[in-house]
Structure formats: structure tokens, C-alpha cells
Amino acid sequence: MTSPLEVEVNGDIEKAFKNLKKKMAFEGIFKELKRRRYYEKPSVEKKRKKEEAERRRLKKMRRMAAQQSRTKKVQRGPGM
């Protein structure tokens, strides 16, 4: 279970509500609520987690490849 979220009101309810929503989104509460809306069989949960891990791995590989290509361009210098 996540820790309780606290937001200061200071008279402006709308600003406090906006801050609360931002904190909840950052904590992943909305994603968790959506996922827990219906029962997920253990086999389906395992498959989902495996797919998410693969997606994260591929994303990391793409970022690393892009970073390496940027570094190579910088090392060559202009006109080379």
C-alpha cells in the first residue's frame, strides 16, 4: 500500500485538487486503479508483467543507441 498523500489547501481548493491529481499520477495510483478494476488471473498478470519488462528493455536499448549515435556525431566534429 502506498503512503498517504498530503496536499496543502491554503484557500485555493482547485489548485490543491490539481496538485493532488499530479501527485496521484506520479505515484501511479490511477494506473493501479485501472489495472485493479477487474480481477486479473495470475497467468495473465505474469504475461502482462513480462511484456512490460520487454517494452522497458527495448525502450532502454533505443535510448542507448540514440545516445551513442549523438556522441559519434559530436566526436567527429564539423566538416569531417
PDB file of N, CA and C in Angstrom:
ATOM      1  N   MET A   1       0.834  -1.177   0.000  1.00  0.00           N
ATOM      2  CA  MET A   1       0.000   0.000   0.000  1.00  0.00           C
ATOM      3  C   MET A   1       0.878   1.239   0.000  1.00  0.00           C
ATOM      4  N   THR A   2       0.447   2.243  -0.712  1.00  0.00           N
ATOM      5  CA  THR A   2       1.228   3.467  -0.810  1.00  0.00           C
ATOM      6  C   THR A   2       1.031   4.325   0.425  1.00  0.00           C
ATOM      7  N   SER A   3       1.951   5.234   0.630  1.00  0.00           N
ATOM      8  CA  SER A   3       1.833   6.146   1.764  1.00  0.00           C
ATOM      9  C   SER A   3       0.761   7.188   1.464  1.00  0.00           C
ATOM     10  N   PRO A   4       0.156   7.763   2.501  1.00  0.00           N
ATOM     11  CA  PRO A   4      -0.896   8.757   2.264  1.00  0.00           C
ATOM     12  C   PRO A   4      -0.330  10.013   1.603  1.00  0.00           C
ATOM     13  N   LEU A   5      -1.111  10.592   0.717  1.00  0.00           N
ATOM     14  CA  LEU A   5      -0.699  11.811   0.031  1.00  0.00           C
ATOM     15  C   LEU A   5      -1.299  13.006   0.746  1.00  0.00           C
ATOM     16  N   GLU A   6      -0.503  14.024   0.973  1.00  0.00           N
ATOM     17  CA  GLU A   6      -0.981  15.236   1.623  1.00  0.00           C
ATOM     18  C   GLU A   6      -0.762  16.414   0.699  1.00  0.00           C
ATOM     19  N   VAL A   7      -1.766  17.303   0.675  1.00  0.00           N
ATOM     20  CA  VAL A   7      -1.687  18.498  -0.154  1.00  0.00           C
ATOM     21  C   VAL A   7      -2.155  19.674   0.687  1.00  0.00           C
ATOM     22  N   GLU A   8      -1.426  20.780   0.633  1.00  0.00           N
ATOM     23  CA  GLU A   8      -1.840  21.981   1.354  1.00  0.00           C
ATOM     24  C   GLU A   8      -2.921  22.694   0.568  1.00  0.00           C
ATOM     25  N   VAL A   9      -3.961  23.157   1.268  1.00  0.00           N
ATOM     26  CA  VAL A   9      -5.080  23.816   0.596  1.00  0.00           C
ATOM     27  C   VAL A   9      -4.838  25.314   0.504  1.00  0.00           C
ATOM     28  N   ASN A  10      -4.551  25.981   1.614  1.00  0.00           N
ATOM     29  CA  ASN A  10      -4.301  27.426   1.651  1.00  0.00           C
ATOM     30  C   ASN A  10      -5.371  28.240   0.932  1.00  0.00           C
ATOM     31  N   GLY A  11      -6.618  27.848   1.046  1.00  0.00           N
ATOM     32  CA  GLY A  11      -7.719  28.633   0.492  1.00  0.00           C
ATOM     33  C   GLY A  11      -8.076  28.337  -0.948  1.00  0.00           C
ATOM     34  N   ASP A  12      -7.161  27.820  -1.743  1.00  0.00           N
ATOM     35  CA  ASP A  12      -7.447  27.571  -3.158  1.00  0.00           C
ATOM     36  C   ASP A  12      -7.667  26.072  -3.370  1.00  0.00           C
ATOM     37  N   ILE A  13      -8.936  25.680  -3.379  1.00  0.00           N
ATOM     38  CA  ILE A  13      -9.301  24.269  -3.499  1.00  0.00           C
ATOM     39  C   ILE A  13      -8.906  23.705  -4.860  1.00  0.00           C
ATOM     40  N   GLU A  14      -9.130  24.464  -5.922  1.00  0.00           N
ATOM     41  CA  GLU A  14      -8.838  23.964  -7.273  1.00  0.00           C
ATOM     42  C   GLU A  14      -7.348  23.684  -7.450  1.00  0.00           C
ATOM     43  N   LYS A  15      -6.513  24.576  -6.917  1.00  0.00           N
ATOM     44  CA  LYS A  15      -5.067  24.374  -7.021  1.00  0.00           C
ATOM     45  C   LYS A  15      -4.645  23.138  -6.216  1.00  0.00           C
ATOM     46  N   ALA A  16      -5.257  22.970  -5.035  1.00  0.00           N
ATOM     47  CA  ALA A  16      -4.946  21.804  -4.201  1.00  0.00           C
ATOM     48  C   ALA A  16      -5.378  20.515  -4.896  1.00  0.00           C
ATOM     49  N   PHE A  17      -6.548  20.541  -5.533  1.00  0.00           N
ATOM     50  CA  PHE A  17      -7.034  19.364  -6.248  1.00  0.00           C
ATOM     51  C   PHE A  17      -6.116  19.033  -7.423  1.00  0.00           C
ATOM     52  N   LYS A  18      -5.656  20.058  -8.124  1.00  0.00           N
ATOM     53  CA  LYS A  18      -4.737  19.862  -9.249  1.00  0.00           C
ATOM     54  C   LYS A  18      -3.423  19.241  -8.754  1.00  0.00           C
ATOM     55  N   ASN A  19      -2.916  19.742  -7.623  1.00  0.00           N
ATOM     56  CA  ASN A  19      -1.684  19.191  -7.052  1.00  0.00           C
ATOM     57  C   ASN A  19      -1.874  17.740  -6.620  1.00  0.00           C
ATOM     58  N   LEU A  20      -3.051  17.445  -6.040  1.00  0.00           N
ATOM     59  CA  LEU A  20      -3.343  16.078  -5.616  1.00  0.00           C
ATOM     60  C   LEU A  20      -3.368  15.134  -6.818  1.00  0.00           C
ATOM     61  N   LYS A  21      -4.029  15.553  -7.898  1.00  0.00           N
ATOM     62  CA  LYS A  21      -4.080  14.723  -9.102  1.00  0.00           C
ATOM     63  C   LYS A  21      -2.682  14.498  -9.670  1.00  0.00           C
ATOM     64  N   LYS A  22      -1.855  15.534  -9.634  1.00  0.00           N
ATOM     65  CA  LYS A  22      -0.486  15.418 -10.143  1.00  0.00           C
ATOM     66  C   LYS A  22       0.312  14.413  -9.310  1.00  0.00           C
ATOM     67  N   LYS A  23       0.165  14.499  -7.978  1.00  0.00           N
ATOM     68  CA  LYS A  23       0.875  13.562  -7.100  1.00  0.00           C
ATOM     69  C   LYS A  23       0.381  12.134  -7.307  1.00  0.00           C
ATOM     70  N   MET A  24      -0.941  11.982  -7.467  1.00  0.00           N
ATOM     71  CA  MET A  24      -1.509  10.652  -7.675  1.00  0.00           C
ATOM     72  C   MET A  24      -1.020  10.057  -8.994  1.00  0.00           C
ATOM     73  N   ALA A  25      -0.933  10.874 -10.030  1.00  0.00           N
ATOM     74  CA  ALA A  25      -0.441  10.393 -11.318  1.00  0.00           C
ATOM     75  C   ALA A  25       1.025   9.981 -11.196  1.00  0.00           C
ATOM     76  N   PHE A  26       1.816  10.779 -10.480  1.00  0.00           N
ATOM     77  CA  PHE A  26       3.232  10.477 -10.307  1.00  0.00           C
ATOM     78  C   PHE A  26       3.418   9.178  -9.534  1.00  0.00           C
ATOM     79  N   GLU A  27       2.591   8.939  -8.540  1.00  0.00           N
ATOM     80  CA  GLU A  27       2.667   7.719  -7.732  1.00  0.00           C
ATOM     81  C   GLU A  27       2.144   6.497  -8.483  1.00  0.00           C
ATOM     82  N   GLY A  28       1.432   6.704  -9.576  1.00  0.00           N
ATOM     83  CA  GLY A  28       0.902   5.592 -10.351  1.00  0.00           C
ATOM     84  C   GLY A  28      -0.415   5.061  -9.818  1.00  0.00           C
ATOM     85  N   ILE A  29      -1.114   5.877  -9.047  1.00  0.00           N
ATOM     86  CA  ILE A  29      -2.365   5.427  -8.435  1.00  0.00           C
ATOM     87  C   ILE A  29      -3.448   5.229  -9.482  1.00  0.00           C
ATOM     88  N   PHE A  30      -3.532   6.125 -10.462  1.00  0.00           N
ATOM     89  CA  PHE A  30      -4.562   5.995 -11.494  1.00  0.00           C
ATOM     90  C   PHE A  30      -4.346   4.723 -12.316  1.00  0.00           C
ATOM     91  N   LYS A  31      -3.096   4.451 -12.633  1.00  0.00           N
ATOM     92  CA  LYS A  31      -2.765   3.242 -13.389  1.00  0.00           C
ATOM     93  C   LYS A  31      -3.132   1.994 -12.585  1.00  0.00           C
ATOM     94  N   GLU A  32      -2.834   2.052 -11.291  1.00  0.00           N
ATOM     95  CA  GLU A  32      -3.143   0.936 -10.393  1.00  0.00           C
ATOM     96  C   GLU A  32      -4.654   0.710 -10.294  1.00  0.00           C
ATOM     97  N   LEU A  33      -5.416   1.795 -10.171  1.00  0.00           N
ATOM     98  CA  LEU A  33      -6.873   1.679 -10.097  1.00  0.00           C
ATOM     99  C   LEU A  33      -7.440   1.059 -11.367  1.00  0.00           C
ATOM    100  N   LYS A  34      -6.936   1.510 -12.497  1.00  0.00           N
ATOM    101  CA  LYS A  34      -7.411   0.983 -13.776  1.00  0.00           C
ATOM    102  C   LYS A  34      -7.093  -0.508 -13.889  1.00  0.00           C
ATOM    103  N   ARG A  35      -5.901  -0.887 -13.447  1.00  0.00           N
ATOM    104  CA  ARG A  35      -5.479  -2.282 -13.536  1.00  0.00           C
ATOM    105  C   ARG A  35      -6.269  -3.168 -12.581  1.00  0.00           C
ATOM    106  N   ARG A  36      -6.608  -2.653 -11.414  1.00  0.00           N
ATOM    107  CA  ARG A  36      -7.314  -3.450 -10.407  1.00  0.00           C
ATOM    108  C   ARG A  36      -8.832  -3.382 -10.544  1.00  0.00           C
ATOM    109  N   ARG A  37      -9.305  -2.744 -11.569  1.00  0.00           N
ATOM    110  CA  ARG A  37     -10.752  -2.614 -11.753  1.00  0.00           C
ATOM    111  C   ARG A  37     -11.413  -3.987 -11.880  1.00  0.00           C
ATOM    112  N   TYR A  38     -10.740  -4.895 -12.567  1.00  0.00           N
ATOM    113  CA  TYR A  38     -11.247  -6.250 -12.752  1.00  0.00           C
ATOM    114  C   TYR A  38     -10.188  -7.233 -12.282  1.00  0.00           C
ATOM    115  N   TYR A  39     -10.632  -8.432 -11.930  1.00  0.00           N
ATOM    116  CA  TYR A  39      -9.714  -9.469 -11.492  1.00  0.00           C
ATOM    117  C   TYR A  39      -8.840  -9.899 -12.662  1.00  0.00           C
ATOM    118  N   GLU A  40      -7.571 -10.054 -12.379  1.00  0.00           N
ATOM    119  CA  GLU A  40      -6.616 -10.492 -13.390  1.00  0.00           C
ATOM    120  C   GLU A  40      -6.042 -11.834 -12.939  1.00  0.00           C
ATOM    121  N   LYS A  41      -6.236 -12.849 -13.771  1.00  0.00           N
ATOM    122  CA  LYS A  41      -5.725 -14.170 -13.426  1.00  0.00           C
ATOM    123  C   LYS A  41      -4.204 -14.107 -13.288  1.00  0.00           C
ATOM    124  N   PRO A  42      -3.648 -14.942 -12.418  1.00  0.00           N
ATOM    125  CA  PRO A  42      -2.199 -14.925 -12.226  1.00  0.00           C
ATOM    126  C   PRO A  42      -1.409 -15.133 -13.521  1.00  0.00           C
ATOM    127  N   SER A  43      -1.901 -15.994 -14.408  1.00  0.00           N
ATOM    128  CA  SER A  43      -1.185 -16.228 -15.662  1.00  0.00           C
ATOM    129  C   SER A  43      -1.212 -14.979 -16.543  1.00  0.00           C
ATOM    130  N   VAL A  44      -2.328 -14.259 -16.537  1.00  0.00           N
ATOM    131  CA  VAL A  44      -2.448 -13.033 -17.334  1.00  0.00           C
ATOM    132  C   VAL A  44      -1.562 -11.940 -16.741  1.00  0.00           C
ATOM    133  N   GLU A  45      -1.527 -11.870 -15.411  1.00  0.00           N
ATOM    134  CA  GLU A  45      -0.683 -10.882 -14.740  1.00  0.00           C
ATOM    135  C   GLU A  45       0.793 -11.138 -15.059  1.00  0.00           C
ATOM    136  N   LYS A  46       1.186 -12.411 -15.028  1.00  0.00           N
ATOM    137  CA  LYS A  46       2.566 -12.788 -15.335  1.00  0.00           C
ATOM    138  C   LYS A  46       2.922 -12.394 -16.765  1.00  0.00           C
ATOM    139  N   LYS A  47       2.005 -12.656 -17.702  1.00  0.00           N
ATOM    140  CA  LYS A  47       2.233 -12.315 -19.102  1.00  0.00           C
ATOM    141  C   LYS A  47       2.345 -10.803 -19.274  1.00  0.00           C
ATOM    142  N   ARG A  48       1.468 -10.042 -18.602  1.00  0.00           N
ATOM    143  CA  ARG A  48       1.479  -8.583 -18.703  1.00  0.00           C
ATOM    144  C   ARG A  48       2.793  -8.023 -18.171  1.00  0.00           C
ATOM    145  N   LYS A  49       3.227  -8.523 -17.024  1.00  0.00           N
ATOM    146  CA  LYS A  49       4.472  -8.036 -16.439  1.00  0.00           C
ATOM    147  C   LYS A  49       5.668  -8.349 -17.335  1.00  0.00           C
ATOM    148  N   LYS A  50       5.656  -9.527 -17.956  1.00  0.00           N
ATOM    149  CA  LYS A  50       6.739  -9.912 -18.855  1.00  0.00           C
ATOM    150  C   LYS A  50       6.778  -8.986 -20.071  1.00  0.00           C
ATOM    151  N   GLU A  51       5.595  -8.674 -20.626  1.00  0.00           N
ATOM    152  CA  GLU A  51       5.519  -7.778 -21.778  1.00  0.00           C
ATOM    153  C   GLU A  51       5.969  -6.366 -21.407  1.00  0.00           C
ATOM    154  N   GLU A  52       5.585  -5.896 -20.218  1.00  0.00           N
ATOM    155  CA  GLU A  52       6.005  -4.571 -19.769  1.00  0.00           C
ATOM    156  C   GLU A  52       7.517  -4.506 -19.611  1.00  0.00           C
ATOM    157  N   ALA A  53       8.105  -5.556 -19.067  1.00  0.00           N
ATOM    158  CA  ALA A  53       9.555  -5.601 -18.888  1.00  0.00           C
ATOM    159  C   ALA A  53      10.261  -5.576 -20.241  1.00  0.00           C
ATOM    160  N   GLU A  54       9.724  -6.315 -21.207  1.00  0.00           N
ATOM    161  CA  GLU A  54      10.311  -6.337 -22.551  1.00  0.00           C
ATOM    162  C   GLU A  54      10.216  -4.955 -23.193  1.00  0.00           C
ATOM    163  N   ARG A  55       9.064  -4.289 -23.013  1.00  0.00           N
ATOM    164  CA  ARG A  55       8.884  -2.945 -23.551  1.00  0.00           C
ATOM    165  C   ARG A  55       9.902  -1.977 -22.948  1.00  0.00           C
ATOM    166  N   ARG A  56      10.104  -2.066 -21.629  1.00  0.00           N
ATOM    167  CA  ARG A  56      11.084  -1.200 -20.966  1.00  0.00           C
ATOM    168  C   ARG A  56      12.491  -1.484 -21.478  1.00  0.00           C
ATOM    169  N   ARG A  57      12.815  -2.766 -21.675  1.00  0.00           N
ATOM    170  CA  ARG A  57      14.150  -3.143 -22.155  1.00  0.00           C
ATOM    171  C   ARG A  57      14.401  -2.580 -23.547  1.00  0.00           C
ATOM    172  N   LEU A  58      13.412  -2.721 -24.441  1.00  0.00           N
ATOM    173  CA  LEU A  58      13.566  -2.209 -25.798  1.00  0.00           C
ATOM    174  C   LEU A  58      13.682  -0.690 -25.815  1.00  0.00           C
ATOM    175  N   LYS A  59      12.907  -0.033 -24.972  1.00  0.00           N
ATOM    176  CA  LYS A  59      12.953   1.425 -24.893  1.00  0.00           C
ATOM    177  C   LYS A  59      14.338   1.881 -24.432  1.00  0.00           C
ATOM    178  N   LYS A  60      14.894   1.165 -23.448  1.00  0.00           N
ATOM    179  CA  LYS A  60      16.225   1.498 -22.944  1.00  0.00           C
ATOM    180  C   LYS A  60      17.277   1.298 -24.035  1.00  0.00           C
ATOM    181  N   MET A  61      17.143   0.220 -24.809  1.00  0.00           N
ATOM    182  CA  MET A  61      18.082  -0.052 -25.899  1.00  0.00           C
ATOM    183  C   MET A  61      18.022   1.056 -26.953  1.00  0.00           C
ATOM    184  N   ARG A  62      16.789   1.491 -27.298  1.00  0.00           N
ATOM    185  CA  ARG A  62      16.639   2.569 -28.284  1.00  0.00           C
ATOM    186  C   ARG A  62      17.285   3.855 -27.781  1.00  0.00           C
ATOM    187  N   ARG A  63      17.070   4.169 -26.502  1.00  0.00           N
ATOM    188  CA  ARG A  63      17.667   5.382 -25.940  1.00  0.00           C
ATOM    189  C   ARG A  63      19.187   5.307 -25.962  1.00  0.00           C
ATOM    190  N   MET A  64      19.742   4.142 -25.623  1.00  0.00           N
ATOM    191  CA  MET A  64      21.193   3.984 -25.619  1.00  0.00           C
ATOM    192  C   MET A  64      21.752   4.112 -27.027  1.00  0.00           C
ATOM    193  N   ALA A  65      21.067   3.529 -28.024  1.00  0.00           N
ATOM    194  CA  ALA A  65      21.523   3.616 -29.408  1.00  0.00           C
ATOM    195  C   ALA A  65      21.488   5.059 -29.892  1.00  0.00           C
ATOM    196  N   ALA A  66      20.438   5.780 -29.539  1.00  0.00           N
ATOM    197  CA  ALA A  66      20.327   7.182 -29.944  1.00  0.00           C
ATOM    198  C   ALA A  66      21.424   8.013 -29.290  1.00  0.00           C
ATOM    199  N   GLN A  67      21.721   7.739 -28.036  1.00  0.00           N
ATOM    200  CA  GLN A  67      22.758   8.471 -27.332  1.00  0.00           C
ATOM    201  C   GLN A  67      24.126   8.197 -27.954  1.00  0.00           C
ATOM    202  N   GLN A  68      24.383   6.946 -28.322  1.00  0.00           N
ATOM    203  CA  GLN A  68      25.661   6.604 -28.939  1.00  0.00           C
ATOM    204  C   GLN A  68      25.810   7.271 -30.293  1.00  0.00           C
ATOM    205  N   SER A  69      24.731   7.330 -31.065  1.00  0.00           N
ATOM    206  CA  SER A  69      24.826   7.968 -32.377  1.00  0.00           C
ATOM    207  C   SER A  69      25.061   9.468 -32.220  1.00  0.00           C
ATOM    208  N   ARG A  70      24.475  10.081 -31.178  1.00  0.00           N
ATOM    209  CA  ARG A  70      24.714  11.510 -30.935  1.00  0.00           C
ATOM    210  C   ARG A  70      26.160  11.744 -30.532  1.00  0.00           C
ATOM    211  N   THR A  71      26.733  10.861 -29.727  1.00  0.00           N
ATOM    212  CA  THR A  71      28.116  11.034 -29.284  1.00  0.00           C
ATOM    213  C   THR A  71      29.075  10.868 -30.449  1.00  0.00           C
ATOM    214  N   LYS A  72      28.797   9.953 -31.357  1.00  0.00           N
ATOM    215  CA  LYS A  72      29.669   9.753 -32.514  1.00  0.00           C
ATOM    216  C   LYS A  72      29.680  10.997 -33.386  1.00  0.00           C
ATOM    217  N   LYS A  73      28.529  11.636 -33.565  1.00  0.00           N
ATOM    218  CA  LYS A  73      28.458  12.850 -34.374  1.00  0.00           C
ATOM    219  C   LYS A  73      29.270  13.965 -33.738  1.00  0.00           C
ATOM    220  N   VAL A  74      29.229  14.070 -32.431  1.00  0.00           N
ATOM    221  CA  VAL A  74      29.955  15.118 -31.728  1.00  0.00           C
ATOM    222  C   VAL A  74      31.451  14.857 -31.808  1.00  0.00           C
ATOM    223  N   GLN A  75      31.894  13.609 -31.700  1.00  0.00           N
ATOM    224  CA  GLN A  75      33.310  13.279 -31.708  1.00  0.00           C
ATOM    225  C   GLN A  75      33.948  13.532 -33.070  1.00  0.00           C
ATOM    226  N   ARG A  76      33.190  13.324 -34.159  1.00  0.00           N
ATOM    227  CA  ARG A  76      33.758  13.544 -35.485  1.00  0.00           C
ATOM    228  C   ARG A  76      34.073  15.008 -35.707  1.00  0.00           C
ATOM    229  N   GLY A  77      33.238  15.876 -35.199  1.00  0.00           N
ATOM    230  CA  GLY A  77      33.459  17.299 -35.353  1.00  0.00           C
ATOM    231  C   GLY A  77      32.934  17.793 -36.686  1.00  0.00           C
ATOM    232  N   PRO A  78      32.928  19.097 -36.889  1.00  0.00           N
ATOM    233  CA  PRO A  78      32.388  19.677 -38.124  1.00  0.00           C
ATOM    234  C   PRO A  78      33.319  19.452 -39.317  1.00  0.00           C
ATOM    235  N   GLY A  79      32.733  19.174 -40.455  1.00  0.00           N
ATOM    236  CA  GLY A  79      33.487  19.031 -41.695  1.00  0.00           C
ATOM    237  C   GLY A  79      34.288  17.758 -41.827  1.00  0.00           C
ATOM    238  N   MET A  80      34.087  16.783 -41.002  1.00  0.00           N
ATOM    239  CA  MET A  80      34.862  15.538 -41.098  1.00  0.00           C
ATOM    240  C   MET A  80      34.033  14.432 -41.635  1.00  0.00           C
TER     241      MET A  80
END
